[in-house]
N, C-alpha and C. Protein backbone atom coordinates (compact mmCIF):
# COMPACT_ATOMS: atom_id res chain seq x y z
N MET A 1 8.97 6.24 -5.09
CA MET A 1 9.63 6.67 -6.39
C MET A 1 8.73 7.30 -7.12
N THR A 2 9.03 8.48 -7.80
CA THR A 2 8.34 9.00 -8.78
C THR A 2 8.57 8.23 -10.10
N TYR A 3 7.64 8.84 -11.10
CA TYR A 3 7.46 8.20 -12.42
C TYR A 3 8.74 8.54 -12.98
N SER A 4 9.30 9.72 -12.97
CA SER A 4 10.46 10.00 -13.84
C SER A 4 11.67 9.43 -13.19
N SER A 5 11.81 9.39 -11.94
CA SER A 5 13.10 8.72 -11.55
C SER A 5 13.04 7.13 -11.64
N SER A 6 11.87 6.52 -11.60
CA SER A 6 11.84 5.18 -11.93
C SER A 6 11.90 5.01 -13.28
N LEU A 7 11.58 5.75 -14.29
CA LEU A 7 11.77 5.64 -15.62
C LEU A 7 13.43 5.80 -15.80
N ALA A 8 14.12 6.59 -15.16
CA ALA A 8 15.44 6.96 -15.44
C ALA A 8 16.11 5.87 -14.95
N PHE A 9 15.68 5.20 -13.75
CA PHE A 9 16.40 3.94 -13.23
C PHE A 9 16.14 2.84 -14.15
N SER A 10 15.02 2.65 -14.63
CA SER A 10 14.79 1.38 -15.42
C SER A 10 15.39 1.63 -16.94
N ARG A 11 15.51 2.76 -17.39
CA ARG A 11 16.34 2.86 -18.62
C ARG A 11 17.80 2.73 -18.62
N SER A 12 18.57 3.24 -17.51
CA SER A 12 19.98 3.22 -17.31
C SER A 12 20.39 1.73 -16.94
N GLN A 13 19.28 0.93 -16.49
CA GLN A 13 19.49 -0.44 -16.24
C GLN A 13 19.54 -1.26 -17.55
N PHE A 14 18.80 -0.87 -18.54
CA PHE A 14 18.54 -1.82 -19.56
C PHE A 14 19.35 -1.13 -20.75
N SER A 15 19.84 -0.10 -20.90
CA SER A 15 20.47 0.70 -21.78
C SER A 15 22.00 -0.20 -21.93
N GLY A 16 22.35 -0.40 -23.08
CA GLY A 16 23.46 -1.02 -23.41
C GLY A 16 24.31 -0.18 -24.22
N ARG A 17 25.40 -0.59 -24.74
CA ARG A 17 26.33 -0.05 -25.49
C ARG A 17 25.81 0.43 -26.86
N ASN A 18 25.94 1.44 -27.51
CA ASN A 18 25.47 2.08 -28.74
C ASN A 18 23.85 1.80 -28.86
N ARG A 19 23.24 2.06 -27.90
CA ARG A 19 21.73 2.19 -27.76
C ARG A 19 21.52 3.56 -27.61
N ASN A 20 20.36 3.99 -28.33
CA ASN A 20 19.89 5.24 -28.07
C ASN A 20 18.80 5.27 -27.09
N SER A 21 19.27 5.94 -25.99
CA SER A 21 18.21 5.78 -24.93
C SER A 21 18.21 7.54 -24.34
N VAL A 22 17.13 7.55 -23.62
CA VAL A 22 17.06 8.80 -23.05
C VAL A 22 16.90 8.74 -21.48
N SER A 23 17.95 9.45 -20.76
CA SER A 23 17.85 9.21 -19.39
C SER A 23 17.17 10.47 -18.64
N PHE A 24 16.45 10.30 -17.56
CA PHE A 24 15.97 11.51 -16.89
C PHE A 24 16.52 11.76 -15.59
N LYS A 25 17.09 12.75 -15.45
CA LYS A 25 17.60 13.01 -14.08
C LYS A 25 17.07 14.14 -13.37
N SER A 26 16.84 14.12 -12.02
CA SER A 26 16.17 15.35 -11.43
C SER A 26 17.30 16.33 -11.11
N ARG A 27 16.96 17.60 -11.25
CA ARG A 27 17.82 18.58 -10.69
C ARG A 27 17.39 19.30 -10.00
N ALA A 28 17.91 19.79 -8.71
CA ALA A 28 17.44 20.65 -7.66
C ALA A 28 17.48 22.19 -8.11
N ARG A 29 16.31 22.92 -8.09
CA ARG A 29 16.35 24.15 -8.42
C ARG A 29 16.74 25.08 -7.40
N THR A 30 17.58 26.00 -7.60
CA THR A 30 17.95 26.93 -6.61
C THR A 30 17.74 28.42 -7.11
N LEU A 31 17.82 29.36 -6.26
CA LEU A 31 17.62 30.59 -6.49
C LEU A 31 19.00 31.26 -6.71
N GLY A 32 19.03 32.08 -7.51
CA GLY A 32 20.36 33.00 -7.83
C GLY A 32 20.65 33.93 -6.80
N PRO A 33 21.96 34.51 -6.85
CA PRO A 33 22.06 35.57 -5.90
C PRO A 33 21.27 36.72 -6.04
N ILE A 34 20.92 37.14 -7.22
CA ILE A 34 19.94 38.39 -7.52
C ILE A 34 18.71 38.16 -6.79
N SER A 35 18.04 36.96 -7.05
CA SER A 35 16.82 36.59 -6.58
C SER A 35 16.85 36.81 -5.01
N ASN A 36 17.87 36.07 -4.45
CA ASN A 36 18.02 36.24 -3.12
C ASN A 36 17.98 37.61 -2.43
N THR A 37 18.52 38.38 -3.01
CA THR A 37 18.85 39.84 -2.71
C THR A 37 17.64 40.27 -2.77
N ILE A 38 16.85 40.46 -3.94
CA ILE A 38 15.65 40.91 -4.15
C ILE A 38 14.55 40.55 -3.09
N ILE A 39 14.48 39.21 -2.71
CA ILE A 39 13.65 38.62 -1.63
C ILE A 39 14.01 39.20 -0.30
N LEU A 40 15.24 39.51 0.00
CA LEU A 40 15.63 39.97 1.28
C LEU A 40 15.15 41.36 1.45
N ILE A 41 15.44 42.09 0.23
CA ILE A 41 14.94 43.56 0.16
C ILE A 41 13.21 43.64 0.61
N VAL A 42 12.82 42.79 -0.21
CA VAL A 42 11.21 42.92 -0.07
C VAL A 42 11.08 42.65 1.51
N LEU A 43 11.59 41.53 2.17
CA LEU A 43 11.05 41.18 3.40
C LEU A 43 11.56 42.21 4.38
N ALA A 44 12.48 42.91 4.06
CA ALA A 44 12.99 44.05 5.01
C ALA A 44 12.04 45.16 4.83
N CYS A 45 11.48 45.57 3.59
CA CYS A 45 10.45 46.47 3.48
C CYS A 45 9.19 46.13 4.26
N LEU A 46 8.76 44.95 4.00
CA LEU A 46 7.56 44.40 4.96
C LEU A 46 7.64 44.55 6.39
N LEU A 47 8.83 44.16 6.73
CA LEU A 47 9.14 44.35 8.36
C LEU A 47 9.11 45.80 8.69
N GLY A 48 9.66 46.52 7.76
CA GLY A 48 9.62 47.90 8.26
C GLY A 48 8.32 48.60 8.21
N LEU A 49 7.54 48.17 7.33
CA LEU A 49 5.89 48.70 7.37
C LEU A 49 5.29 48.02 8.39
N PHE A 50 5.37 46.88 8.91
CA PHE A 50 4.67 46.49 10.17
C PHE A 50 5.16 47.26 11.46
N TYR A 51 6.47 47.40 11.37
CA TYR A 51 7.05 48.26 12.50
C TYR A 51 6.20 49.63 12.66
N LEU A 52 6.45 50.31 11.36
CA LEU A 52 5.78 51.54 11.48
C LEU A 52 4.30 51.67 11.64
N ALA A 53 3.72 50.57 11.30
CA ALA A 53 2.15 50.39 11.70
C ALA A 53 2.01 50.18 13.31
N GLN A 54 2.87 49.57 13.86
CA GLN A 54 2.84 49.24 15.30
C GLN A 54 3.07 50.57 16.07
N VAL A 55 4.12 51.37 15.54
CA VAL A 55 4.49 52.66 16.35
C VAL A 55 3.41 53.57 16.12
N THR A 56 2.68 53.60 14.90
CA THR A 56 1.61 54.53 14.71
C THR A 56 0.66 54.31 15.73
N LYS A 57 -0.01 53.14 15.80
CA LYS A 57 -0.98 52.68 16.68
C LYS A 57 -0.44 52.84 18.17
N THR A 58 0.64 52.82 18.52
CA THR A 58 1.07 53.19 19.82
C THR A 58 0.99 54.58 20.15
N ASN A 59 1.48 55.52 19.14
CA ASN A 59 1.18 56.81 19.40
C ASN A 59 -0.27 57.30 19.42
N ALA A 60 -0.89 56.70 18.61
CA ALA A 60 -2.35 57.05 18.68
C ALA A 60 -3.00 56.62 19.99
N TYR A 61 -2.69 55.53 20.59
CA TYR A 61 -3.19 55.08 22.03
C TYR A 61 -2.57 56.29 22.99
N GLY A 62 -1.16 56.70 22.81
CA GLY A 62 -0.55 57.45 23.72
C GLY A 62 -1.30 58.99 23.78
N PHE A 63 -1.80 59.23 22.54
CA PHE A 63 -2.43 60.63 22.58
C PHE A 63 -3.92 60.61 23.21
N THR A 64 -4.60 59.25 23.05
CA THR A 64 -5.78 59.16 23.74
C THR A 64 -5.55 59.00 25.24
N LEU A 65 -4.64 58.32 25.58
CA LEU A 65 -4.43 58.37 27.10
C LEU A 65 -3.97 59.72 27.80
N ASN A 66 -3.24 60.25 26.96
CA ASN A 66 -2.90 61.68 27.53
C ASN A 66 -4.05 62.48 27.77
N ASN A 67 -5.03 62.59 26.69
CA ASN A 67 -6.10 63.14 26.91
C ASN A 67 -7.12 62.67 28.22
N LEU A 68 -7.19 61.54 28.17
CA LEU A 68 -8.07 60.97 29.44
C LEU A 68 -7.26 61.41 30.68
N GLN A 69 -6.04 61.24 30.82
CA GLN A 69 -5.50 61.64 31.97
C GLN A 69 -5.65 63.21 32.29
N GLN A 70 -5.65 64.08 31.23
CA GLN A 70 -5.99 65.49 31.57
C GLN A 70 -7.45 65.56 31.92
N GLN A 71 -8.37 64.90 31.31
CA GLN A 71 -9.59 64.92 31.72
C GLN A 71 -9.97 64.69 33.29
N GLN A 72 -9.18 63.40 33.53
CA GLN A 72 -9.20 62.85 34.82
C GLN A 72 -8.67 64.00 35.97
N ASN A 73 -7.52 64.74 35.67
CA ASN A 73 -7.15 65.62 36.30
C ASN A 73 -8.07 66.92 36.67
N GLN A 74 -8.57 67.21 35.56
CA GLN A 74 -9.62 68.35 35.66
C GLN A 74 -10.93 67.91 36.46
N LEU A 75 -11.26 66.57 36.50
CA LEU A 75 -12.50 66.26 37.14
C LEU A 75 -12.14 66.33 38.57
N LYS A 76 -10.71 65.90 39.05
CA LYS A 76 -10.47 65.66 40.40
C LYS A 76 -10.42 67.11 40.94
N SER A 77 -9.88 68.06 40.08
CA SER A 77 -10.00 69.32 40.81
C SER A 77 -11.37 69.93 40.94
N GLU A 78 -12.12 69.54 40.10
CA GLU A 78 -13.67 70.06 40.10
C GLU A 78 -14.24 69.31 41.14
N TYR A 79 -13.96 68.18 41.61
CA TYR A 79 -14.47 67.33 42.66
C TYR A 79 -13.97 67.92 43.97
N ALA A 80 -12.80 68.34 44.09
CA ALA A 80 -12.28 68.94 45.34
C ALA A 80 -12.85 70.43 45.48
N ASP A 81 -13.27 71.23 44.47
CA ASP A 81 -13.79 72.47 44.44
C ASP A 81 -15.18 72.26 45.00
N LEU A 82 -15.92 71.21 44.76
CA LEU A 82 -17.15 71.01 45.11
C LEU A 82 -17.34 70.43 46.44
N GLN A 83 -16.38 69.60 46.87
CA GLN A 83 -16.27 69.29 48.18
C GLN A 83 -16.03 70.58 49.39
N VAL A 84 -15.28 71.52 48.77
CA VAL A 84 -14.91 72.61 49.68
C VAL A 84 -16.43 73.74 49.75
N SER A 85 -17.04 73.53 48.57
CA SER A 85 -18.44 74.37 48.47
C SER A 85 -19.29 73.66 49.50
N SER A 86 -19.49 72.43 49.31
CA SER A 86 -20.38 71.52 50.09
C SER A 86 -20.13 71.67 51.69
N ALA A 87 -18.97 71.74 51.90
CA ALA A 87 -18.63 71.81 53.63
C ALA A 87 -18.84 73.22 53.93
N GLN A 88 -18.86 74.41 53.17
CA GLN A 88 -19.21 75.66 53.47
C GLN A 88 -20.60 75.80 53.58
N LEU A 89 -21.26 75.16 52.68
CA LEU A 89 -22.93 75.44 52.79
C LEU A 89 -23.50 74.65 53.96
N GLN A 90 -22.73 73.45 54.26
CA GLN A 90 -23.16 72.57 55.40
C GLN A 90 -22.84 73.29 56.86
N SER A 91 -21.67 74.06 56.59
CA SER A 91 -21.22 74.62 58.08
C SER A 91 -22.33 75.75 58.67
N VAL A 92 -22.78 76.44 57.65
CA VAL A 92 -23.81 77.44 57.77
C VAL A 92 -25.04 76.94 58.54
N SER A 93 -25.52 75.89 57.96
CA SER A 93 -26.72 75.40 58.48
C SER A 93 -26.62 74.64 59.76
N ARG A 94 -25.31 74.04 59.96
CA ARG A 94 -24.93 73.55 61.23
C ARG A 94 -24.90 74.51 62.29
N ALA A 95 -24.39 75.63 62.03
CA ALA A 95 -24.11 76.71 62.93
C ALA A 95 -25.48 77.15 63.48
N GLN A 96 -26.27 77.42 62.47
CA GLN A 96 -27.70 77.89 62.77
C GLN A 96 -28.36 76.85 63.73
N ASN A 97 -28.17 75.61 63.32
CA ASN A 97 -29.15 74.42 63.99
C ASN A 97 -28.41 74.12 65.43
N SER A 98 -27.35 74.57 65.76
CA SER A 98 -26.57 74.02 66.88
C SER A 98 -27.42 74.62 68.15
N SER A 99 -27.15 73.87 69.23
CA SER A 99 -27.58 74.09 70.68
C SER A 99 -27.13 75.47 71.09
N VAL A 100 -25.93 75.91 70.61
CA VAL A 100 -25.39 77.04 71.26
C VAL A 100 -25.90 78.20 70.50
N ALA A 101 -26.24 78.07 69.27
CA ALA A 101 -26.98 79.23 68.59
C ALA A 101 -28.35 79.32 68.98
N LYS A 102 -28.87 78.15 69.42
CA LYS A 102 -30.42 78.40 69.88
C LYS A 102 -30.34 79.07 71.18
N ASN A 103 -29.45 79.00 72.05
CA ASN A 103 -29.45 79.53 73.34
C ASN A 103 -29.05 81.02 73.23
N MET A 104 -28.69 81.62 72.23
CA MET A 104 -28.17 82.94 72.15
C MET A 104 -29.43 83.75 72.02
N VAL A 105 -29.26 84.88 72.48
CA VAL A 105 -30.48 85.80 72.57
C VAL A 105 -30.13 87.08 71.43
N PRO A 106 -31.19 87.39 70.70
CA PRO A 106 -30.78 88.16 69.79
C PRO A 106 -30.59 89.68 70.28
N LEU A 107 -29.78 90.37 69.71
CA LEU A 107 -29.20 91.70 70.32
C LEU A 107 -30.08 92.62 69.66
N THR A 108 -30.80 93.49 70.24
CA THR A 108 -31.43 94.55 69.66
C THR A 108 -30.96 95.88 70.30
N PRO A 109 -30.70 96.87 69.53
CA PRO A 109 -30.21 98.06 69.89
C PRO A 109 -31.12 98.86 71.00
N SER A 110 -30.61 99.19 72.07
CA SER A 110 -31.51 100.01 73.18
C SER A 110 -31.62 101.52 72.77
N ALA A 111 -30.51 101.94 72.23
CA ALA A 111 -30.47 103.23 72.03
C ALA A 111 -29.58 103.42 70.71
N THR A 112 -29.82 104.71 70.37
CA THR A 112 -29.00 105.01 69.06
C THR A 112 -27.97 106.03 69.50
N ALA A 113 -26.88 105.92 68.83
CA ALA A 113 -25.64 106.75 69.33
C ALA A 113 -25.88 108.12 68.77
N GLN A 114 -25.72 109.25 69.35
CA GLN A 114 -25.80 110.63 68.92
C GLN A 114 -24.45 111.13 68.92
N ASN A 115 -24.12 111.93 67.73
CA ASN A 115 -22.96 112.68 67.57
C ASN A 115 -22.88 114.03 68.21
């Protein structure tokens, strides 16, 4: 029991008729309808701000992800081009070093054509 409630209890017990006594009663405080409305509006605004912050972060990550995907596609096409170039360069050296190419006889012209 709190001091005020014990005091109110004790005074009401001993107060008799035509006696001057003060009684203490605790009263519950409640918010009025205007205060409740203001609090709800403030909470709705805060929730809206949190939502907008999350959407903005998501959009920023989306732009970053899109840029990285474009860079990945560009690098894949460059890699494919480099593979083709590598295969072409290797094919020339393979053809020169093959056993069939080594067995060939160079052709030298024996005579020139006269018109």
